[in-house]
């Protein structure tokens, strides 16, 4: 039988309202040697991903607001 440990939670946003939807737990399977190693990521990598997403959302918001009646 596999065992899992919770490593975090995530929640998508409603595409119409932007409100967070229900949070969903994230799990990692535990092996006989313990949990698999998590990938090494830097703060810069995380910041790049956030900035890319924010730029996309800003473009979508701008295009939606200028074209709606």
N, C-alpha and C. Protein backbone atom coordinates (compact mmCIF):
# COMPACT_ATOMS: atom_id res chain seq x y z
N UNK A 1 0.84 -1.19 0.00
CA UNK A 1 0.00 0.00 0.00
C UNK A 1 0.89 1.25 0.00
N UNK A 2 0.59 2.18 -0.86
CA UNK A 2 1.37 3.41 -0.96
C UNK A 2 0.98 4.38 0.14
N UNK A 3 1.97 5.16 0.55
CA UNK A 3 1.72 6.22 1.53
C UNK A 3 2.02 7.55 0.86
N UNK A 4 1.29 8.58 1.26
CA UNK A 4 1.47 9.91 0.69
C UNK A 4 1.57 10.93 1.82
N UNK A 5 2.35 11.99 1.57
CA UNK A 5 2.40 13.11 2.51
C UNK A 5 1.96 14.36 1.77
N UNK A 6 1.27 15.23 2.49
CA UNK A 6 0.81 16.48 1.88
C UNK A 6 1.97 17.47 1.88
N UNK A 7 2.23 18.06 0.71
CA UNK A 7 3.34 19.00 0.59
C UNK A 7 2.87 20.42 0.31
N UNK A 8 1.57 20.60 0.17
CA UNK A 8 1.05 21.93 -0.08
C UNK A 8 -0.39 21.87 -0.52
N UNK A 9 -0.90 23.03 -0.92
CA UNK A 9 -2.25 23.14 -1.47
C UNK A 9 -2.20 24.07 -2.67
N UNK A 10 -3.18 23.94 -3.54
CA UNK A 10 -3.28 24.84 -4.68
C UNK A 10 -4.75 25.11 -4.95
N UNK A 11 -5.01 26.24 -5.54
CA UNK A 11 -6.38 26.59 -5.90
C UNK A 11 -6.37 27.34 -7.22
N UNK A 12 -7.23 26.92 -8.12
CA UNK A 12 -7.38 27.64 -9.38
C UNK A 12 -8.28 28.84 -9.14
N UNK A 13 -8.27 29.77 -10.09
CA UNK A 13 -9.15 30.93 -10.00
C UNK A 13 -10.27 30.80 -11.02
N UNK A 14 -11.43 31.27 -10.64
CA UNK A 14 -12.56 31.27 -11.54
C UNK A 14 -12.24 32.19 -12.71
N UNK A 15 -12.33 31.71 -13.95
CA UNK A 15 -11.96 32.54 -15.09
C UNK A 15 -12.87 33.75 -15.30
N UNK A 16 -14.09 33.70 -14.80
CA UNK A 16 -15.01 34.83 -14.98
C UNK A 16 -14.87 35.88 -13.89
N UNK A 17 -14.73 35.44 -12.64
CA UNK A 17 -14.69 36.39 -11.53
C UNK A 17 -13.30 36.63 -10.97
N UNK A 18 -12.39 35.69 -11.21
CA UNK A 18 -11.05 35.81 -10.64
C UNK A 18 -10.97 35.37 -9.19
N UNK A 19 -12.09 34.95 -8.64
CA UNK A 19 -12.11 34.50 -7.25
C UNK A 19 -11.46 33.12 -7.14
N UNK A 20 -10.74 32.86 -6.03
CA UNK A 20 -10.16 31.53 -5.84
C UNK A 20 -11.26 30.48 -5.70
N UNK A 21 -11.01 29.34 -6.30
CA UNK A 21 -11.94 28.22 -6.17
C UNK A 21 -11.49 27.37 -4.98
N UNK A 22 -12.12 26.24 -4.76
CA UNK A 22 -11.79 25.40 -3.62
C UNK A 22 -10.34 24.91 -3.70
N UNK A 23 -9.62 24.99 -2.58
CA UNK A 23 -8.23 24.55 -2.52
C UNK A 23 -8.17 23.03 -2.58
N UNK A 24 -7.12 22.54 -3.24
CA UNK A 24 -6.91 21.11 -3.40
C UNK A 24 -5.54 20.76 -2.83
N UNK A 25 -5.44 19.75 -1.96
CA UNK A 25 -4.14 19.38 -1.40
C UNK A 25 -3.23 18.74 -2.44
N UNK A 26 -1.93 18.97 -2.30
CA UNK A 26 -0.91 18.35 -3.16
C UNK A 26 -0.17 17.31 -2.34
N UNK A 27 0.00 16.12 -2.90
CA UNK A 27 0.64 15.02 -2.20
C UNK A 27 1.84 14.50 -2.97
N UNK A 28 2.79 13.93 -2.22
CA UNK A 28 3.95 13.24 -2.79
C UNK A 28 3.94 11.83 -2.22
N UNK A 29 4.19 10.85 -3.09
CA UNK A 29 4.23 9.46 -2.64
C UNK A 29 5.51 9.21 -1.85
N UNK A 30 5.38 8.55 -0.72
CA UNK A 30 6.52 8.22 0.12
C UNK A 30 7.01 6.82 -0.26
N UNK A 31 8.30 6.71 -0.51
CA UNK A 31 8.88 5.42 -0.84
C UNK A 31 9.47 4.80 0.42
N UNK A 32 10.08 3.62 0.29
CA UNK A 32 10.72 2.98 1.45
C UNK A 32 11.85 3.84 2.00
N UNK A 33 12.49 4.63 1.13
CA UNK A 33 13.61 5.49 1.55
C UNK A 33 13.13 6.86 2.00
N UNK A 34 11.83 7.09 2.04
CA UNK A 34 11.29 8.40 2.37
C UNK A 34 10.73 9.04 1.11
N UNK A 35 10.34 10.28 1.22
CA UNK A 35 9.77 10.99 0.08
C UNK A 35 10.83 11.25 -0.98
N UNK A 36 10.45 11.27 -2.24
CA UNK A 36 11.42 11.58 -3.29
C UNK A 36 11.93 13.00 -3.13
N UNK A 37 13.16 13.27 -3.54
CA UNK A 37 13.69 14.63 -3.38
C UNK A 37 12.92 15.62 -4.23
N UNK A 38 12.65 16.77 -3.67
CA UNK A 38 11.99 17.83 -4.42
C UNK A 38 13.03 18.53 -5.29
N UNK A 39 12.63 19.00 -6.45
CA UNK A 39 13.59 19.68 -7.32
C UNK A 39 14.08 20.98 -6.68
N UNK A 40 15.34 21.29 -6.93
CA UNK A 40 15.92 22.53 -6.43
C UNK A 40 15.49 23.67 -7.36
N UNK A 41 14.76 24.63 -6.82
CA UNK A 41 14.40 25.80 -7.61
C UNK A 41 14.78 27.04 -6.83
N UNK A 42 15.17 28.05 -7.53
CA UNK A 42 15.59 29.28 -6.87
C UNK A 42 14.43 30.26 -6.78
N UNK A 43 14.62 31.27 -5.96
CA UNK A 43 13.62 32.32 -5.83
C UNK A 43 13.44 33.02 -7.18
N UNK A 44 14.53 33.14 -7.95
CA UNK A 44 14.44 33.77 -9.27
C UNK A 44 13.52 32.97 -10.19
N UNK A 45 13.62 31.64 -10.14
CA UNK A 45 12.76 30.80 -10.97
C UNK A 45 11.29 31.00 -10.61
N UNK A 46 11.02 31.05 -9.33
CA UNK A 46 9.65 31.25 -8.87
C UNK A 46 9.16 32.62 -9.30
N UNK A 47 9.99 33.65 -9.12
CA UNK A 47 9.61 35.02 -9.50
C UNK A 47 9.34 35.12 -11.00
N UNK A 48 10.16 34.46 -11.82
CA UNK A 48 9.95 34.48 -13.27
C UNK A 48 8.59 33.90 -13.62
N UNK A 49 8.22 32.79 -12.99
CA UNK A 49 6.93 32.17 -13.27
C UNK A 49 5.77 33.07 -12.85
N UNK A 50 5.89 33.72 -11.69
CA UNK A 50 4.84 34.63 -11.24
C UNK A 50 4.72 35.82 -12.18
N UNK A 51 5.85 36.40 -12.60
CA UNK A 51 5.82 37.56 -13.48
C UNK A 51 5.22 37.20 -14.83
N UNK A 52 5.56 36.03 -15.36
CA UNK A 52 5.00 35.60 -16.64
C UNK A 52 3.48 35.49 -16.53
N UNK A 53 2.99 34.90 -15.44
CA UNK A 53 1.55 34.76 -15.24
C UNK A 53 0.88 36.12 -15.07
N UNK A 54 1.50 37.02 -14.30
CA UNK A 54 0.92 38.34 -14.10
C UNK A 54 0.84 39.12 -15.40
N UNK A 55 1.88 39.02 -16.24
CA UNK A 55 1.86 39.71 -17.53
C UNK A 55 0.75 39.17 -18.42
N UNK A 56 0.57 37.85 -18.42
CA UNK A 56 -0.51 37.24 -19.21
C UNK A 56 -1.86 37.73 -18.72
N UNK A 57 -2.05 37.74 -17.40
CA UNK A 57 -3.33 38.19 -16.85
C UNK A 57 -3.57 39.66 -17.15
N UNK A 58 -2.53 40.48 -17.09
CA UNK A 58 -2.67 41.91 -17.38
C UNK A 58 -3.08 42.12 -18.83
N UNK A 59 -2.47 41.38 -19.75
CA UNK A 59 -2.84 41.50 -21.16
C UNK A 59 -4.28 41.07 -21.39
N UNK A 60 -4.68 39.95 -20.76
CA UNK A 60 -6.05 39.46 -20.92
C UNK A 60 -7.05 40.44 -20.35
N UNK A 61 -6.74 41.02 -19.20
CA UNK A 61 -7.63 41.97 -18.56
C UNK A 61 -7.76 43.23 -19.41
N UNK A 62 -6.63 43.71 -19.92
CA UNK A 62 -6.64 44.92 -20.75
C UNK A 62 -7.44 44.69 -22.02
N UNK A 63 -7.24 43.57 -22.68
CA UNK A 63 -7.96 43.30 -23.93
C UNK A 63 -9.44 43.07 -23.67
N UNK A 64 -9.79 42.46 -22.55
CA UNK A 64 -11.19 42.21 -22.23
C UNK A 64 -11.90 43.51 -21.88
N UNK A 65 -11.23 44.42 -21.16
CA UNK A 65 -11.89 45.65 -20.73
C UNK A 65 -12.03 46.65 -21.87
N UNK A 66 -11.12 46.63 -22.83
CA UNK A 66 -11.21 47.60 -23.92
C UNK A 66 -12.24 47.18 -24.96
N UNK A 67 -12.57 45.89 -24.99
CA UNK A 67 -13.47 45.41 -26.05
C UNK A 67 -14.86 45.08 -25.55
N UNK A 68 -15.09 45.18 -24.25
CA UNK A 68 -16.42 44.86 -23.73
C UNK A 68 -17.32 46.08 -23.85
N UNK A 69 -18.61 45.81 -23.96
CA UNK A 69 -19.54 46.94 -24.10
C UNK A 69 -20.51 47.00 -22.95
